[in-house]
């Protein structure tokens, strides 16, 4: 499978996950989120982001350590979505738009899009992958990264620095991209 196919599959699955809504198992029961049943809601259901993903307590990998010198995932994942012509699109806030077209540092876990131990094109995620077929969260918890030079793949968190872009209508359904990236400390 080529890189574009992998990226398309990842973004389609992320978009599907972002729009999926689970109904309670018993009629009239409250959903697992503790909110009111969908039928009792006064406002129409609007798709929302999935957040930064879930870091399993059983994961052999430590969660990301908060750092003041990188863009926090809480800023990137704090967004709303809207449905326009059967397509889910992000609605970015001022904090996210302030990052656009500027050099930024972000830390996360590598999700390779190419074969090999050196990567020039990968997704950076807020939590480690739990399996090779599972996405760690919605599209707001992933950043497409294109590097100047290859970066050695690792299961440990990495920090990259490059030109950050907020994507309003990406054909693959992604919300963020970093280009001309390089490893950073």
N, C-alpha and C. Protein backbone atom coordinates (compact mmCIF):
# COMPACT_ATOMS: atom_id res chain seq x y z
N UNK A 1 0.85 -1.17 0.00
CA UNK A 1 0.00 0.00 0.00
C UNK A 1 0.90 1.23 0.00
N UNK A 2 0.62 2.21 -0.85
CA UNK A 2 1.47 3.40 -0.92
C UNK A 2 1.11 4.41 0.17
N UNK A 3 1.93 5.44 0.31
CA UNK A 3 1.77 6.43 1.37
C UNK A 3 0.42 7.13 1.28
N UNK A 4 0.01 7.52 0.07
CA UNK A 4 -1.27 8.21 -0.07
C UNK A 4 -2.42 7.33 0.35
N UNK A 5 -2.36 6.04 0.03
CA UNK A 5 -3.41 5.12 0.44
C UNK A 5 -3.45 4.97 1.94
N UNK A 6 -2.28 4.85 2.58
CA UNK A 6 -2.23 4.74 4.04
C UNK A 6 -2.78 6.00 4.70
N UNK A 7 -2.40 7.17 4.19
CA UNK A 7 -2.87 8.42 4.75
C UNK A 7 -4.38 8.55 4.56
N UNK A 8 -4.88 8.18 3.41
CA UNK A 8 -6.31 8.23 3.15
C UNK A 8 -7.06 7.29 4.08
N UNK A 9 -6.56 6.07 4.26
CA UNK A 9 -7.21 5.12 5.17
C UNK A 9 -7.23 5.65 6.59
N UNK A 10 -6.11 6.20 7.04
CA UNK A 10 -6.02 6.73 8.40
C UNK A 10 -7.00 7.89 8.60
N UNK A 11 -7.06 8.80 7.63
CA UNK A 11 -7.93 9.96 7.79
C UNK A 11 -9.40 9.57 7.65
N UNK A 12 -9.72 8.62 6.78
CA UNK A 12 -11.11 8.17 6.67
C UNK A 12 -11.57 7.50 7.96
N UNK A 13 -10.72 6.68 8.53
CA UNK A 13 -11.06 6.02 9.78
C UNK A 13 -11.21 7.05 10.89
N UNK A 14 -10.33 8.05 10.92
CA UNK A 14 -10.42 9.10 11.94
C UNK A 14 -11.71 9.90 11.77
N UNK A 15 -12.08 10.22 10.52
CA UNK A 15 -13.32 10.95 10.27
C UNK A 15 -14.53 10.12 10.68
N UNK A 16 -14.48 8.82 10.38
CA UNK A 16 -15.57 7.95 10.77
C UNK A 16 -15.70 7.90 12.29
N UNK A 17 -14.55 7.78 12.97
CA UNK A 17 -14.57 7.72 14.43
C UNK A 17 -15.10 9.02 15.01
N UNK A 18 -14.77 10.14 14.39
CA UNK A 18 -15.23 11.43 14.89
C UNK A 18 -16.72 11.60 14.73
N UNK A 19 -17.31 10.95 13.73
CA UNK A 19 -18.74 11.12 13.49
C UNK A 19 -19.58 10.00 14.09
N UNK A 20 -18.95 8.92 14.54
CA UNK A 20 -19.71 7.81 15.09
C UNK A 20 -20.35 8.21 16.41
N UNK A 21 -21.61 7.82 16.59
CA UNK A 21 -22.31 8.06 17.84
C UNK A 21 -22.88 6.74 18.30
N UNK A 22 -22.61 6.41 19.55
CA UNK A 22 -23.12 5.17 20.11
C UNK A 22 -24.42 5.43 20.84
N UNK A 23 -25.39 4.56 20.66
CA UNK A 23 -26.65 4.71 21.38
C UNK A 23 -26.61 3.85 22.63
N UNK A 24 -27.40 4.19 23.65
CA UNK A 24 -27.39 3.40 24.87
C UNK A 24 -27.92 1.99 24.58
N UNK A 25 -27.42 0.98 25.32
CA UNK A 25 -27.84 -0.38 25.07
C UNK A 25 -29.29 -0.66 25.43
N UNK A 26 -29.87 0.11 26.35
CA UNK A 26 -31.25 -0.11 26.77
C UNK A 26 -32.02 1.16 26.49
N UNK A 27 -33.23 1.03 25.93
CA UNK A 27 -34.03 2.21 25.62
C UNK A 27 -34.24 3.05 26.88
N UNK A 28 -33.99 4.34 26.76
CA UNK A 28 -34.18 5.25 27.88
C UNK A 28 -32.99 5.34 28.81
N UNK A 29 -31.98 4.48 28.61
CA UNK A 29 -30.80 4.51 29.47
C UNK A 29 -29.92 5.69 29.09
N UNK A 30 -29.14 6.15 30.05
CA UNK A 30 -28.21 7.25 29.77
C UNK A 30 -27.00 6.71 29.02
N UNK A 31 -26.45 7.47 28.06
CA UNK A 31 -25.25 7.04 27.37
C UNK A 31 -24.08 6.96 28.35
N UNK A 32 -23.02 6.28 27.94
CA UNK A 32 -21.85 6.07 28.79
C UNK A 32 -21.19 7.37 29.21
N UNK A 33 -21.39 8.44 28.47
CA UNK A 33 -20.77 9.71 28.81
C UNK A 33 -21.44 10.37 30.00
N UNK A 34 -22.57 9.84 30.45
CA UNK A 34 -23.25 10.40 31.59
C UNK A 34 -24.20 11.53 31.22
N UNK A 35 -24.35 11.85 29.97
CA UNK A 35 -25.25 12.91 29.52
C UNK A 35 -26.67 12.39 29.41
N UNK A 36 -27.51 13.18 28.80
CA UNK A 36 -28.89 12.76 28.61
C UNK A 36 -29.01 11.92 27.37
N UNK A 37 -30.02 11.04 27.29
CA UNK A 37 -30.19 10.24 26.08
C UNK A 37 -30.39 11.14 24.87
N UNK A 38 -29.96 10.71 23.67
CA UNK A 38 -30.06 11.56 22.49
C UNK A 38 -31.47 12.08 22.23
N UNK A 39 -32.50 11.29 22.48
CA UNK A 39 -33.87 11.72 22.22
C UNK A 39 -34.28 12.86 23.15
N UNK A 40 -33.69 12.93 24.34
CA UNK A 40 -34.06 13.95 25.31
C UNK A 40 -33.29 15.25 25.12
N UNK A 41 -32.31 15.27 24.25
CA UNK A 41 -31.51 16.48 24.03
C UNK A 41 -32.34 17.54 23.34
N UNK A 42 -32.21 18.78 23.81
CA UNK A 42 -32.95 19.87 23.20
C UNK A 42 -32.29 20.33 21.91
N UNK A 43 -30.98 20.36 21.87
CA UNK A 43 -30.24 20.83 20.70
C UNK A 43 -29.95 19.67 19.76
N UNK A 44 -29.90 19.93 18.46
CA UNK A 44 -29.54 18.85 17.52
C UNK A 44 -28.10 18.40 17.75
N UNK A 45 -27.85 17.14 17.49
CA UNK A 45 -26.51 16.59 17.69
C UNK A 45 -25.55 17.17 16.65
N UNK A 46 -24.44 17.72 17.11
CA UNK A 46 -23.41 18.25 16.24
C UNK A 46 -22.16 17.43 16.50
N UNK A 47 -21.51 16.93 15.45
CA UNK A 47 -20.32 16.13 15.69
C UNK A 47 -19.28 16.92 16.45
N UNK A 48 -18.60 16.26 17.37
CA UNK A 48 -17.55 16.90 18.14
C UNK A 48 -16.27 16.11 17.98
N UNK A 49 -15.16 16.73 18.28
CA UNK A 49 -13.88 16.05 18.19
C UNK A 49 -13.76 14.96 19.23
N UNK A 50 -12.81 14.11 19.04
CA UNK A 50 -12.59 13.00 19.95
C UNK A 50 -11.57 13.32 21.02
N UNK A 51 -10.95 14.46 20.96
CA UNK A 51 -9.95 14.82 21.95
C UNK A 51 -8.60 14.22 21.64
N UNK A 52 -7.76 14.21 22.65
CA UNK A 52 -6.38 13.79 22.45
C UNK A 52 -6.20 12.29 22.41
N UNK A 53 -7.24 11.52 22.46
CA UNK A 53 -7.09 10.08 22.48
C UNK A 53 -6.89 9.60 23.91
N UNK A 54 -6.88 8.31 24.09
CA UNK A 54 -6.76 7.74 25.43
C UNK A 54 -5.43 7.01 25.55
N UNK A 55 -4.67 7.37 26.56
CA UNK A 55 -3.42 6.67 26.84
C UNK A 55 -3.76 5.56 27.82
N UNK A 56 -3.70 4.34 27.36
CA UNK A 56 -4.06 3.20 28.20
C UNK A 56 -3.13 3.11 29.40
N UNK A 57 -3.71 2.87 30.59
CA UNK A 57 -2.85 2.68 31.76
C UNK A 57 -1.99 1.42 31.65
N UNK A 58 -2.37 0.50 30.75
CA UNK A 58 -1.61 -0.72 30.53
C UNK A 58 -0.52 -0.56 29.47
N UNK A 59 -0.41 0.63 28.89
CA UNK A 59 0.57 0.86 27.83
C UNK A 59 1.99 0.74 28.39
N UNK A 60 2.86 0.07 27.63
CA UNK A 60 4.26 -0.01 28.07
C UNK A 60 5.00 1.31 27.86
N UNK A 61 4.37 2.27 27.19
CA UNK A 61 4.99 3.55 26.89
C UNK A 61 4.44 4.61 27.82
N UNK A 62 5.31 5.41 28.38
CA UNK A 62 4.90 6.48 29.29
C UNK A 62 4.16 7.56 28.51
N UNK A 63 3.18 8.21 29.12
CA UNK A 63 2.51 9.33 28.44
C UNK A 63 3.47 10.50 28.26
N UNK A 64 3.08 11.43 27.42
CA UNK A 64 3.91 12.61 27.17
C UNK A 64 4.04 13.43 28.45
N UNK A 65 5.25 13.94 28.67
CA UNK A 65 5.51 14.82 29.80
C UNK A 65 5.19 16.25 29.35
N UNK A 66 4.44 16.99 30.16
CA UNK A 66 4.13 18.38 29.80
C UNK A 66 5.40 19.19 29.67
N UNK A 67 5.47 19.98 28.60
CA UNK A 67 6.62 20.84 28.34
C UNK A 67 6.12 22.23 27.96
N UNK A 68 6.77 23.24 28.47
CA UNK A 68 6.38 24.62 28.18
C UNK A 68 6.84 25.08 26.80
N UNK A 69 7.82 24.38 26.21
CA UNK A 69 8.40 24.83 24.94
C UNK A 69 7.77 24.20 23.70
N UNK A 70 6.70 23.43 23.87
CA UNK A 70 6.01 22.82 22.72
C UNK A 70 4.53 23.20 22.76
N UNK A 71 3.88 23.10 21.61
CA UNK A 71 2.44 23.35 21.54
C UNK A 71 1.74 22.21 22.27
N UNK A 72 0.93 22.51 23.26
CA UNK A 72 0.26 21.42 23.98
C UNK A 72 -0.88 20.81 23.15
N UNK A 73 -1.04 19.51 23.28
CA UNK A 73 -2.11 18.83 22.57
C UNK A 73 -3.49 19.33 23.01
N UNK A 74 -3.59 19.81 24.24
CA UNK A 74 -4.88 20.33 24.71
C UNK A 74 -5.33 21.52 23.87
N UNK A 75 -4.40 22.30 23.35
CA UNK A 75 -4.75 23.42 22.46
C UNK A 75 -5.23 22.89 21.12
N UNK A 76 -4.54 21.89 20.57
CA UNK A 76 -4.88 21.36 19.25
C UNK A 76 -6.20 20.59 19.25
N UNK A 77 -6.50 19.91 20.35
CA UNK A 77 -7.70 19.06 20.38
C UNK A 77 -8.94 19.80 20.86
N UNK A 78 -8.79 21.04 21.30
CA UNK A 78 -9.92 21.83 21.79
C UNK A 78 -10.61 22.53 20.62
N UNK A 79 -11.32 21.75 19.82
CA UNK A 79 -12.03 22.34 18.69
C UNK A 79 -13.38 21.69 18.51
N UNK A 80 -14.17 22.36 17.75
CA UNK A 80 -15.50 21.84 17.41
C UNK A 80 -15.47 21.48 15.93
N UNK A 81 -16.44 20.69 15.52
CA UNK A 81 -16.57 20.35 14.11
C UNK A 81 -17.99 20.69 13.66
N UNK A 82 -18.15 20.77 12.37
CA UNK A 82 -19.46 21.01 11.79
C UNK A 82 -19.60 20.13 10.56
N UNK A 83 -20.82 19.85 10.20
CA UNK A 83 -21.08 19.06 9.01
C UNK A 83 -21.51 20.01 7.89
N UNK A 84 -20.76 19.97 6.79
CA UNK A 84 -21.05 20.80 5.62
C UNK A 84 -21.11 19.87 4.42
N UNK A 85 -22.26 19.76 3.79
CA UNK A 85 -22.44 18.91 2.62
C UNK A 85 -21.93 17.49 2.88
N UNK A 86 -22.41 16.87 3.95
CA UNK A 86 -22.05 15.49 4.31
C UNK A 86 -20.56 15.30 4.60
N UNK A 87 -19.87 16.37 4.94
CA UNK A 87 -18.45 16.29 5.26
C UNK A 87 -18.22 16.97 6.60
N UNK A 88 -17.46 16.33 7.46
CA UNK A 88 -17.15 16.91 8.76
C UNK A 88 -15.93 17.82 8.59
N UNK A 89 -16.08 19.08 8.99
CA UNK A 89 -14.99 20.04 8.88
C UNK A 89 -14.70 20.64 10.25
N UNK A 90 -13.45 21.01 10.50
CA UNK A 90 -13.09 21.60 11.79
C UNK A 90 -13.51 23.07 11.87
N UNK A 91 -13.78 23.52 13.08
CA UNK A 91 -14.02 24.92 13.37
C UNK A 91 -12.93 25.32 14.36
N UNK A 92 -11.90 25.99 13.86
CA UNK A 92 -10.74 26.32 14.68
C UNK A 92 -11.01 27.55 15.53
N UNK A 93 -10.41 27.56 16.73
CA UNK A 93 -10.54 28.73 17.60
C UNK A 93 -9.33 29.65 17.40
N UNK A 94 -9.30 30.75 18.12
CA UNK A 94 -8.24 31.75 17.94
C UNK A 94 -6.86 31.19 18.32
N UNK A 95 -6.80 30.33 19.34
CA UNK A 95 -5.51 29.76 19.77
C UNK A 95 -4.90 28.92 18.66
N UNK A 96 -5.72 28.15 17.98
CA UNK A 96 -5.23 27.30 16.89
C UNK A 96 -4.86 28.15 15.68
N UNK A 97 -5.67 29.13 15.35
CA UNK A 97 -5.38 29.99 14.20
C UNK A 97 -4.11 30.80 14.42
N UNK A 98 -3.79 31.12 15.67
CA UNK A 98 -2.57 31.89 15.97
C UNK A 98 -1.31 31.08 15.65
N UNK A 99 -1.41 29.75 15.57
CA UNK A 99 -0.26 28.89 15.25
C UNK A 99 0.01 28.80 13.75
N UNK A 100 -0.99 29.13 12.95
CA UNK A 100 -0.95 28.91 11.51
C UNK A 100 0.18 29.68 10.81
N UNK A 101 0.92 28.95 9.96
CA UNK A 101 1.99 29.49 9.13
C UNK A 101 3.15 30.06 9.94
N UNK A 102 3.35 29.53 11.14
CA UNK A 102 4.47 29.94 11.97
C UNK A 102 5.26 28.70 12.36
N UNK A 103 6.53 28.89 12.68
CA UNK A 103 7.36 27.78 13.13
C UNK A 103 6.92 27.39 14.53
N UNK A 104 6.64 26.09 14.70
CA UNK A 104 6.16 25.57 15.98
C UNK A 104 6.90 24.28 16.31
N UNK A 105 6.97 23.98 17.61
CA UNK A 105 7.50 22.71 18.10
C UNK A 105 6.34 21.90 18.66
N UNK A 106 6.30 20.61 18.32
CA UNK A 106 5.27 19.71 18.84
C UNK A 106 5.93 18.39 19.21
N UNK A 107 5.46 17.80 20.30
CA UNK A 107 5.96 16.48 20.69
C UNK A 107 4.84 15.46 20.53
N UNK A 108 5.23 14.24 20.25
CA UNK A 108 4.24 13.18 20.11
C UNK A 108 4.90 11.87 19.73
N UNK A 109 4.06 10.93 19.33
CA UNK A 109 4.50 9.60 18.95
C UNK A 109 4.40 9.44 17.44
N UNK A 110 5.39 8.80 16.86
CA UNK A 110 5.43 8.61 15.40
C UNK A 110 4.50 7.48 14.98
N UNK A 111 3.73 7.75 13.93
CA UNK A 111 2.91 6.73 13.28
C UNK A 111 3.40 6.71 11.83
N UNK A 112 4.26 5.74 11.47
CA UNK A 112 4.89 5.74 10.14
C UNK A 112 3.88 5.63 9.01
N UNK A 113 4.18 6.31 7.92
CA UNK A 113 3.38 6.20 6.70
C UNK A 113 4.19 5.57 5.58
N UNK A 114 5.45 5.28 5.85
CA UNK A 114 6.34 4.69 4.86
C UNK A 114 7.05 3.50 5.49
N UNK A 115 7.48 2.57 4.68
CA UNK A 115 8.26 1.45 5.25
C UNK A 115 9.66 1.91 5.61
N UNK A 116 10.31 1.19 6.49
CA UNK A 116 11.70 1.49 6.82
C UNK A 116 11.86 2.13 8.18
N UNK A 117 13.11 2.17 8.63
CA UNK A 117 13.38 2.72 9.96
C UNK A 117 13.65 4.22 9.94
N UNK A 118 13.74 4.83 8.78
CA UNK A 118 13.90 6.28 8.67
C UNK A 118 12.66 6.85 7.99
N UNK A 119 12.08 7.87 8.59
CA UNK A 119 10.81 8.42 8.11
C UNK A 119 10.95 9.88 7.71
N UNK A 120 10.40 10.21 6.54
CA UNK A 120 10.32 11.60 6.09
C UNK A 120 8.88 12.09 6.09
N UNK A 121 7.94 11.16 6.16
CA UNK A 121 6.51 11.47 6.12
C UNK A 121 5.82 10.55 7.11
N UNK A 122 5.25 11.13 8.17
CA UNK A 122 4.58 10.33 9.19
C UNK A 122 3.53 11.17 9.89
N UNK A 123 2.72 10.51 10.68
CA UNK A 123 1.78 11.22 11.54
C UNK A 123 2.38 11.30 12.93
N UNK A 124 2.23 12.43 13.55
CA UNK A 124 2.63 12.62 14.94
C UNK A 124 1.34 12.57 15.74
N UNK A 125 1.27 11.70 16.75
CA UNK A 125 0.04 11.52 17.50
C UNK A 125 0.23 11.88 18.97
N UNK A 126 -0.87 12.18 19.62
CA UNK A 126 -0.81 12.60 21.02
C UNK A 126 -0.64 11.43 21.98
N UNK A 127 -1.02 10.25 21.57
CA UNK A 127 -0.85 9.04 22.38
C UNK A 127 -0.26 7.94 21.49
N UNK A 128 0.44 6.97 22.09
CA UNK A 128 1.02 5.92 21.26
C UNK A 128 -0.07 5.03 20.66
N UNK A 129 0.26 4.43 19.53
CA UNK A 129 -0.67 3.49 18.91
C UNK A 129 -0.79 2.26 19.81
N UNK A 130 -2.01 1.76 19.94
CA UNK A 130 -2.18 0.56 20.75
C UNK A 130 -2.08 -0.70 19.90
N UNK A 131 -2.32 -0.55 18.60
CA UNK A 131 -2.14 -1.66 17.67
C UNK A 131 -1.91 -1.07 16.28
N UNK A 132 -1.41 -1.88 15.38
CA UNK A 132 -1.07 -1.35 14.05
C UNK A 132 -2.29 -1.02 13.21
N UNK A 133 -3.48 -1.41 13.64
CA UNK A 133 -4.70 -1.15 12.86
C UNK A 133 -5.60 -0.13 13.55
N UNK A 134 -5.18 0.39 14.71
CA UNK A 134 -6.01 1.29 15.50
C UNK A 134 -5.45 2.70 15.47
N UNK A 135 -6.32 3.67 15.29
CA UNK A 135 -5.89 5.06 15.37
C UNK A 135 -5.97 5.51 16.83
N UNK A 136 -5.04 6.34 17.26
CA UNK A 136 -5.00 6.74 18.67
C UNK A 136 -6.03 7.80 19.06
N UNK A 137 -6.73 8.38 18.13
CA UNK A 137 -7.73 9.41 18.42
C UNK A 137 -8.30 9.93 17.12
N UNK A 138 -9.04 11.03 17.20
CA UNK A 138 -9.60 11.65 16.01
C UNK A 138 -8.56 12.46 15.25
N UNK A 139 -8.96 13.10 14.14
CA UNK A 139 -8.00 13.85 13.33
C UNK A 139 -7.38 15.03 14.06
N UNK A 140 -8.01 15.51 15.12
CA UNK A 140 -7.43 16.61 15.89
C UNK A 140 -6.29 16.15 16.78
N UNK A 141 -6.10 14.84 16.90
CA UNK A 141 -5.01 14.32 17.73
C UNK A 141 -3.85 13.80 16.88
N UNK A 142 -3.81 14.24 15.61
CA UNK A 142 -2.74 13.82 14.69
C UNK A 142 -2.25 15.03 13.89
N UNK A 143 -0.97 15.02 13.60
CA UNK A 143 -0.38 16.06 12.75
C UNK A 143 0.40 15.35 11.66
N UNK A 144 0.13 15.69 10.41
CA UNK A 144 0.94 15.16 9.31
C UNK A 144 2.28 15.89 9.34
N UNK A 145 3.38 15.13 9.29
CA UNK A 145 4.72 15.71 9.35
C UNK A 145 5.49 15.32 8.10
N UNK A 146 6.09 16.31 7.47
CA UNK A 146 7.03 16.10 6.36
C UNK A 146 8.34 16.74 6.79
N UNK A 147 9.41 15.93 6.77
CA UNK A 147 10.70 16.40 7.28
C UNK A 147 11.66 16.77 6.17
N UNK A 148 12.66 17.59 6.52
CA UNK A 148 13.73 17.94 5.58
C UNK A 148 14.62 16.73 5.35
N UNK A 149 14.98 16.06 6.42
CA UNK A 149 15.82 14.86 6.36
C UNK A 149 15.12 13.75 7.13
N UNK A 150 15.41 12.49 6.81
CA UNK A 150 14.73 11.39 7.49
C UNK A 150 15.02 11.37 9.00
N UNK A 151 14.02 10.96 9.75
CA UNK A 151 14.12 10.82 11.20
C UNK A 151 13.98 9.34 11.52
N UNK A 152 14.87 8.83 12.37
CA UNK A 152 14.82 7.43 12.75
C UNK A 152 13.55 7.15 13.54
N UNK A 153 12.82 6.13 13.12
CA UNK A 153 11.58 5.74 13.79
C UNK A 153 11.88 5.25 15.20
N UNK A 154 11.05 5.65 16.13
CA UNK A 154 11.17 5.22 17.51
C UNK A 154 9.78 5.08 18.13
N UNK A 155 9.68 4.25 19.13
CA UNK A 155 8.43 4.12 19.87
C UNK A 155 8.34 5.17 20.98
N UNK A 156 9.46 5.82 21.26
CA UNK A 156 9.50 6.86 22.29
C UNK A 156 8.99 8.18 21.71
N UNK A 157 8.55 9.11 22.56
CA UNK A 157 8.10 10.41 22.05
C UNK A 157 9.23 11.16 21.33
N UNK A 158 8.86 11.91 20.31
CA UNK A 158 9.80 12.75 19.58
C UNK A 158 9.28 14.19 19.60
N UNK A 159 10.19 15.13 19.37
CA UNK A 159 9.83 16.54 19.24
C UNK A 159 10.30 16.97 17.86
N UNK A 160 9.40 17.58 17.09
CA UNK A 160 9.75 18.11 15.78
C UNK A 160 9.41 19.59 15.75
N UNK A 161 10.17 20.31 14.91
CA UNK A 161 9.95 21.74 14.74
C UNK A 161 9.88 22.03 13.26
N UNK A 162 8.88 22.81 12.85
CA UNK A 162 8.73 23.16 11.45
C UNK A 162 7.59 24.13 11.25
N UNK A 163 7.27 24.39 9.99
CA UNK A 163 6.20 25.33 9.65
C UNK A 163 4.85 24.63 9.87
N UNK A 164 4.08 25.18 10.78
CA UNK A 164 2.80 24.59 11.18
C UNK A 164 1.68 25.17 10.33
N UNK A 165 0.78 24.30 9.88
CA UNK A 165 -0.36 24.75 9.08
C UNK A 165 -1.66 24.21 9.66
N UNK A 166 -2.66 25.08 9.73
CA UNK A 166 -4.01 24.70 10.13
C UNK A 166 -4.75 24.44 8.82
N UNK A 167 -5.34 23.25 8.70
CA UNK A 167 -5.94 22.82 7.44
C UNK A 167 -7.47 22.90 7.51
N UNK A 168 -8.04 23.78 6.72
CA UNK A 168 -9.49 23.95 6.73
C UNK A 168 -10.22 22.90 5.91
N UNK A 169 -9.62 22.45 4.82
CA UNK A 169 -10.31 21.52 3.93
C UNK A 169 -9.32 20.55 3.30
N UNK A 170 -8.63 19.79 4.16
CA UNK A 170 -7.64 18.83 3.67
C UNK A 170 -8.35 17.66 2.98
N UNK A 171 -7.89 17.24 1.79
CA UNK A 171 -8.55 16.12 1.10
C UNK A 171 -8.50 14.81 1.88
N UNK A 172 -7.53 14.67 2.80
CA UNK A 172 -7.42 13.45 3.60
C UNK A 172 -8.13 13.57 4.95
N UNK A 173 -8.73 14.71 5.24
CA UNK A 173 -9.47 14.88 6.49
C UNK A 173 -8.60 15.25 7.68
N UNK A 174 -7.34 15.61 7.45
CA UNK A 174 -6.47 16.00 8.55
C UNK A 174 -6.69 17.47 8.89
N UNK A 175 -6.35 17.84 10.13
CA UNK A 175 -6.56 19.21 10.59
C UNK A 175 -5.27 20.01 10.69
N UNK A 176 -4.11 19.31 10.81
CA UNK A 176 -2.84 20.00 11.03
C UNK A 176 -1.73 19.36 10.21
N UNK A 177 -0.73 20.19 9.84
CA UNK A 177 0.44 19.68 9.09
C UNK A 177 1.66 20.51 9.50
N UNK A 178 2.81 19.84 9.58
CA UNK A 178 4.08 20.52 9.77
C UNK A 178 4.96 20.15 8.58
N UNK A 179 5.53 21.16 7.92
CA UNK A 179 6.42 20.93 6.78
C UNK A 179 7.81 21.45 7.12
N UNK A 180 8.78 21.00 6.35
CA UNK A 180 10.19 21.37 6.58
C UNK A 180 10.59 21.10 8.03
N UNK A 181 10.08 20.02 8.56
CA UNK A 181 10.32 19.69 9.97
C UNK A 181 11.72 19.11 10.19
N UNK A 182 12.20 19.33 11.39
CA UNK A 182 13.49 18.77 11.82
C UNK A 182 13.34 18.32 13.27
N UNK A 183 14.12 17.33 13.67
CA UNK A 183 14.06 16.93 15.07
C UNK A 183 14.49 18.09 15.97
N UNK A 184 13.88 18.19 17.13
CA UNK A 184 14.23 19.23 18.10
C UNK A 184 14.38 18.57 19.46
N UNK A 185 15.06 19.23 20.34
CA UNK A 185 15.22 18.72 21.71
C UNK A 185 14.12 19.20 22.59
